[in-house]
């Protein structure tokens, strides 16, 4: 009954993005054109050589994914890729949405 426990393997954001590109049949070049970024930037993000988490980049990515930037930033914060201080300004923008659910 003794089970050997092994740590969970959490995929990196780059790996998740890579899988999403594959699922959609897109290339890195396709995503780069959609986001208006150089292919090299997309590639560096996927192989995790570069973090492209500027506020502008997050807002543009969120817009392209039809998501609120606070949601994207929340995922990045949860994965410990951005500090909470960067999360706070967009969290404030999301809160009015949640107020309507509790009325």
N, C-alpha and C. Protein backbone atom coordinates (compact mmCIF):
# COMPACT_ATOMS: atom_id res chain seq x y z
N UNK A 1 0.80 -1.20 0.00
CA UNK A 1 0.00 0.00 0.00
C UNK A 1 0.84 1.26 0.00
N UNK A 2 2.09 1.05 0.06
CA UNK A 2 3.01 2.18 0.06
C UNK A 2 3.16 2.71 -1.38
N UNK A 3 2.72 3.93 -1.57
CA UNK A 3 2.81 4.56 -2.88
C UNK A 3 3.96 5.53 -2.90
N UNK A 4 4.72 5.49 -3.95
CA UNK A 4 5.81 6.45 -4.09
C UNK A 4 5.24 7.74 -4.67
N UNK A 5 5.42 8.81 -3.95
CA UNK A 5 4.94 10.11 -4.40
C UNK A 5 6.01 10.79 -5.22
N UNK A 6 5.59 11.38 -6.31
CA UNK A 6 6.51 12.13 -7.16
C UNK A 6 5.98 13.54 -7.31
N UNK A 7 6.86 14.52 -7.41
CA UNK A 7 6.40 15.91 -7.56
C UNK A 7 5.66 16.09 -8.89
N UNK A 8 4.67 16.95 -8.84
CA UNK A 8 3.92 17.27 -10.07
C UNK A 8 4.81 18.06 -11.01
N UNK A 9 4.65 17.82 -12.28
CA UNK A 9 5.37 18.59 -13.28
C UNK A 9 4.41 19.62 -13.86
N UNK A 10 4.72 20.86 -13.63
CA UNK A 10 3.88 21.94 -14.12
C UNK A 10 4.50 22.45 -15.41
N UNK A 11 3.73 22.46 -16.50
CA UNK A 11 4.30 22.94 -17.76
C UNK A 11 4.58 24.45 -17.70
N UNK A 12 5.63 24.85 -18.36
CA UNK A 12 5.96 26.27 -18.41
C UNK A 12 4.97 26.99 -19.31
N UNK A 13 4.81 28.31 -19.14
CA UNK A 13 3.93 29.05 -20.04
C UNK A 13 4.33 28.88 -21.51
N UNK A 14 5.64 28.79 -21.76
CA UNK A 14 6.11 28.57 -23.13
C UNK A 14 5.63 27.24 -23.69
N UNK A 15 5.64 26.21 -22.85
CA UNK A 15 5.18 24.88 -23.27
C UNK A 15 3.68 24.91 -23.53
N UNK A 16 2.94 25.60 -22.67
CA UNK A 16 1.49 25.73 -22.86
C UNK A 16 1.21 26.44 -24.18
N UNK A 17 1.94 27.53 -24.43
CA UNK A 17 1.75 28.27 -25.67
C UNK A 17 2.11 27.41 -26.87
N UNK A 18 3.18 26.66 -26.77
CA UNK A 18 3.60 25.77 -27.85
C UNK A 18 2.51 24.75 -28.17
N UNK A 19 1.91 24.18 -27.13
CA UNK A 19 0.82 23.21 -27.33
C UNK A 19 -0.40 23.86 -27.96
N UNK A 20 -0.68 25.09 -27.52
CA UNK A 20 -1.83 25.81 -28.07
C UNK A 20 -1.62 26.12 -29.55
N UNK A 21 -0.41 26.52 -29.90
CA UNK A 21 -0.11 26.76 -31.32
C UNK A 21 -0.32 25.49 -32.13
N UNK A 22 0.16 24.38 -31.62
CA UNK A 22 0.02 23.10 -32.31
C UNK A 22 -1.45 22.73 -32.47
N UNK A 23 -2.23 22.92 -31.41
CA UNK A 23 -3.65 22.58 -31.45
C UNK A 23 -4.41 23.42 -32.49
N UNK A 24 -3.98 24.66 -32.65
CA UNK A 24 -4.64 25.55 -33.62
C UNK A 24 -4.06 25.43 -35.03
N UNK A 25 -2.96 24.70 -35.14
CA UNK A 25 -2.32 24.57 -36.45
C UNK A 25 -1.58 25.84 -36.86
N UNK A 26 -1.15 26.61 -35.87
CA UNK A 26 -0.44 27.86 -36.12
C UNK A 26 1.06 27.64 -35.98
N UNK A 27 1.81 28.49 -36.63
CA UNK A 27 3.26 28.51 -36.44
C UNK A 27 3.60 29.70 -35.53
N UNK A 28 4.84 29.74 -35.09
CA UNK A 28 5.28 30.89 -34.31
C UNK A 28 5.18 32.16 -35.15
N UNK A 29 5.42 32.02 -36.43
CA UNK A 29 5.32 33.18 -37.33
C UNK A 29 3.87 33.69 -37.38
N UNK A 30 2.90 32.78 -37.42
CA UNK A 30 1.49 33.19 -37.41
C UNK A 30 1.16 34.01 -36.17
N UNK A 31 1.57 33.49 -35.01
CA UNK A 31 1.30 34.20 -33.75
C UNK A 31 2.02 35.55 -33.72
N UNK A 32 3.25 35.58 -34.19
CA UNK A 32 4.01 36.83 -34.21
C UNK A 32 3.29 37.89 -35.05
N UNK A 33 2.74 37.47 -36.19
CA UNK A 33 2.01 38.41 -37.04
C UNK A 33 0.74 38.90 -36.35
N UNK A 34 0.02 38.00 -35.70
CA UNK A 34 -1.21 38.37 -34.99
C UNK A 34 -0.91 39.36 -33.87
N UNK A 35 0.17 39.11 -33.14
CA UNK A 35 0.51 39.96 -31.99
C UNK A 35 1.34 41.18 -32.36
N UNK A 36 1.81 41.24 -33.60
CA UNK A 36 2.64 42.36 -34.00
C UNK A 36 4.00 42.36 -33.33
N UNK A 37 4.54 41.18 -33.09
CA UNK A 37 5.84 41.01 -32.45
C UNK A 37 6.77 40.27 -33.39
N UNK A 38 8.07 40.43 -33.21
CA UNK A 38 9.01 39.66 -34.02
C UNK A 38 8.92 38.16 -33.68
N UNK A 39 9.16 37.32 -34.68
CA UNK A 39 9.14 35.87 -34.47
C UNK A 39 10.16 35.49 -33.39
N UNK A 40 11.28 36.17 -33.35
CA UNK A 40 12.32 35.87 -32.37
C UNK A 40 11.79 36.04 -30.94
N UNK A 41 10.97 37.05 -30.70
CA UNK A 41 10.40 37.27 -29.37
C UNK A 41 9.50 36.11 -28.97
N UNK A 42 8.66 35.65 -29.89
CA UNK A 42 7.78 34.51 -29.62
C UNK A 42 8.62 33.27 -29.33
N UNK A 43 9.64 33.04 -30.14
CA UNK A 43 10.51 31.89 -29.96
C UNK A 43 11.23 31.94 -28.62
N UNK A 44 11.75 33.09 -28.26
CA UNK A 44 12.46 33.22 -26.98
C UNK A 44 11.52 32.98 -25.80
N UNK A 45 10.27 33.41 -25.94
CA UNK A 45 9.30 33.17 -24.88
C UNK A 45 9.02 31.67 -24.74
N UNK A 46 8.83 31.01 -25.88
CA UNK A 46 8.51 29.58 -25.85
C UNK A 46 9.66 28.77 -25.27
N UNK A 47 10.88 29.11 -25.63
CA UNK A 47 12.01 28.34 -25.07
C UNK A 47 12.49 28.92 -23.75
N UNK A 48 11.79 29.92 -23.29
CA UNK A 48 11.97 30.54 -21.96
C UNK A 48 13.33 31.23 -21.78
N UNK A 49 13.82 31.81 -22.83
CA UNK A 49 15.04 32.61 -22.70
C UNK A 49 14.71 34.05 -22.35
N UNK A 50 13.49 34.44 -22.61
CA UNK A 50 13.12 35.83 -22.42
C UNK A 50 11.71 35.91 -21.84
N UNK A 51 11.54 36.76 -20.86
CA UNK A 51 10.21 36.99 -20.32
C UNK A 51 9.67 38.26 -20.97
N UNK A 52 8.53 38.16 -21.58
CA UNK A 52 7.94 39.30 -22.28
C UNK A 52 6.68 39.74 -21.55
N UNK A 53 6.84 40.07 -20.28
CA UNK A 53 5.69 40.37 -19.46
C UNK A 53 5.53 41.86 -19.19
N UNK A 54 5.81 42.69 -20.16
CA UNK A 54 5.52 44.10 -19.96
C UNK A 54 4.00 44.27 -19.94
N UNK A 55 3.56 45.32 -19.32
CA UNK A 55 2.11 45.55 -19.23
C UNK A 55 1.49 45.62 -20.63
N UNK A 56 2.17 46.31 -21.53
CA UNK A 56 1.65 46.44 -22.90
C UNK A 56 1.55 45.07 -23.57
N UNK A 57 2.57 44.24 -23.40
CA UNK A 57 2.57 42.91 -24.01
C UNK A 57 1.43 42.05 -23.45
N UNK A 58 1.22 42.15 -22.13
CA UNK A 58 0.14 41.37 -21.51
C UNK A 58 -1.22 41.85 -22.01
N UNK A 59 -1.40 43.16 -22.09
CA UNK A 59 -2.68 43.70 -22.57
C UNK A 59 -2.94 43.31 -24.02
N UNK A 60 -1.90 43.35 -24.86
CA UNK A 60 -2.07 42.96 -26.26
C UNK A 60 -2.36 41.47 -26.39
N UNK A 61 -1.65 40.66 -25.61
CA UNK A 61 -1.89 39.21 -25.64
C UNK A 61 -3.31 38.90 -25.19
N UNK A 62 -3.75 39.55 -24.12
CA UNK A 62 -5.10 39.33 -23.61
C UNK A 62 -6.15 39.71 -24.65
N UNK A 63 -5.93 40.82 -25.32
CA UNK A 63 -6.87 41.26 -26.35
C UNK A 63 -6.93 40.23 -27.48
N UNK A 64 -5.78 39.71 -27.89
CA UNK A 64 -5.75 38.70 -28.96
C UNK A 64 -6.41 37.40 -28.53
N UNK A 65 -6.44 37.12 -27.24
CA UNK A 65 -7.04 35.89 -26.72
C UNK A 65 -8.47 36.12 -26.23
N UNK A 66 -8.99 37.33 -26.42
CA UNK A 66 -10.32 37.70 -25.94
C UNK A 66 -10.47 37.44 -24.43
N UNK A 67 -9.48 37.84 -23.68
CA UNK A 67 -9.47 37.70 -22.23
C UNK A 67 -9.15 39.06 -21.61
N UNK A 68 -9.55 39.24 -20.37
CA UNK A 68 -9.20 40.46 -19.66
C UNK A 68 -7.73 40.34 -19.24
N UNK A 69 -6.95 41.42 -19.36
CA UNK A 69 -5.54 41.37 -18.96
C UNK A 69 -5.33 40.89 -17.52
N UNK A 70 -6.27 41.20 -16.64
CA UNK A 70 -6.16 40.77 -15.25
C UNK A 70 -6.17 39.25 -15.13
N UNK A 71 -6.90 38.59 -16.00
CA UNK A 71 -6.95 37.12 -15.99
C UNK A 71 -5.60 36.56 -16.41
N UNK A 72 -5.03 37.10 -17.49
CA UNK A 72 -3.71 36.66 -17.96
C UNK A 72 -2.67 36.92 -16.88
N UNK A 73 -2.71 38.11 -16.33
CA UNK A 73 -1.74 38.47 -15.30
C UNK A 73 -1.91 37.61 -14.05
N UNK A 74 -3.14 37.26 -13.74
CA UNK A 74 -3.39 36.37 -12.61
C UNK A 74 -2.73 35.01 -12.80
N UNK A 75 -2.81 34.48 -14.01
CA UNK A 75 -2.14 33.21 -14.30
C UNK A 75 -0.62 33.34 -14.18
N UNK A 76 -0.09 34.45 -14.68
CA UNK A 76 1.36 34.66 -14.60
C UNK A 76 1.79 34.81 -13.13
N UNK A 77 0.97 35.49 -12.34
CA UNK A 77 1.28 35.64 -10.92
C UNK A 77 1.20 34.28 -10.21
N UNK A 78 0.17 33.51 -10.52
CA UNK A 78 0.01 32.19 -9.91
C UNK A 78 1.22 31.29 -10.20
N UNK A 79 1.74 31.40 -11.42
CA UNK A 79 2.91 30.62 -11.82
C UNK A 79 4.22 31.24 -11.33
N UNK A 80 4.09 32.29 -10.52
CA UNK A 80 5.25 33.00 -9.94
C UNK A 80 6.19 33.58 -11.01
N UNK A 81 5.57 34.07 -12.08
CA UNK A 81 6.35 34.68 -13.16
C UNK A 81 6.33 36.20 -13.10
N UNK A 82 5.37 36.75 -12.36
CA UNK A 82 5.34 38.20 -12.13
C UNK A 82 5.00 38.43 -10.66
N UNK A 83 5.56 39.48 -10.05
CA UNK A 83 5.25 39.75 -8.64
C UNK A 83 3.87 40.37 -8.47
N UNK A 84 3.34 40.27 -7.26
CA UNK A 84 2.01 40.79 -6.95
C UNK A 84 1.89 42.28 -7.25
N UNK A 85 2.96 43.03 -7.02
CA UNK A 85 2.88 44.49 -7.25
C UNK A 85 2.52 44.80 -8.70
N UNK A 86 2.90 43.94 -9.63
CA UNK A 86 2.53 44.16 -11.04
C UNK A 86 1.09 43.74 -11.29
N UNK A 87 0.55 42.91 -10.42
CA UNK A 87 -0.79 42.38 -10.57
C UNK A 87 -1.86 43.37 -10.10
N UNK A 88 -1.55 44.14 -9.11
CA UNK A 88 -2.51 45.02 -8.44
C UNK A 88 -3.25 46.01 -9.37
N UNK A 89 -2.57 46.74 -10.26
CA UNK A 89 -3.31 47.71 -11.08
C UNK A 89 -4.40 47.09 -11.94
N UNK A 90 -4.16 45.91 -12.49
CA UNK A 90 -5.18 45.29 -13.32
C UNK A 90 -6.25 44.60 -12.48
N UNK A 91 -5.92 44.20 -11.27
CA UNK A 91 -6.90 43.60 -10.39
C UNK A 91 -8.00 44.61 -10.07
N UNK A 92 -7.62 45.85 -9.90
CA UNK A 92 -8.59 46.91 -9.60
C UNK A 92 -9.56 47.06 -10.77
N UNK A 93 -9.08 46.92 -11.99
CA UNK A 93 -9.95 47.06 -13.16
C UNK A 93 -10.94 45.91 -13.27
N UNK A 94 -10.60 44.75 -12.75
CA UNK A 94 -11.47 43.59 -12.84
C UNK A 94 -12.58 43.65 -11.80
N UNK A 95 -12.32 44.23 -10.63
CA UNK A 95 -13.26 44.19 -9.51
C UNK A 95 -14.66 44.71 -9.85
N UNK A 96 -14.86 45.76 -10.67
CA UNK A 96 -16.23 46.18 -10.98
C UNK A 96 -17.03 45.09 -11.69
N UNK A 97 -16.38 44.24 -12.44
CA UNK A 97 -17.06 43.15 -13.12
C UNK A 97 -17.66 42.20 -12.09
N UNK A 98 -16.89 41.90 -11.05
CA UNK A 98 -17.34 40.96 -10.04
C UNK A 98 -18.45 41.52 -9.18
N UNK A 99 -18.51 42.82 -9.00
CA UNK A 99 -19.58 43.43 -8.20
C UNK A 99 -20.95 43.09 -8.79
N UNK A 100 -21.04 43.06 -10.12
CA UNK A 100 -22.33 42.78 -10.75
C UNK A 100 -22.81 41.36 -10.48
N UNK A 101 -21.89 40.44 -10.17
CA UNK A 101 -22.29 39.05 -9.87
C UNK A 101 -22.90 38.91 -8.48
N UNK A 102 -22.56 39.82 -7.58
CA UNK A 102 -22.98 39.69 -6.20
C UNK A 102 -24.16 40.58 -5.84
N UNK A 103 -24.79 41.17 -6.79
CA UNK A 103 -25.95 42.03 -6.50
C UNK A 103 -27.24 41.29 -6.65
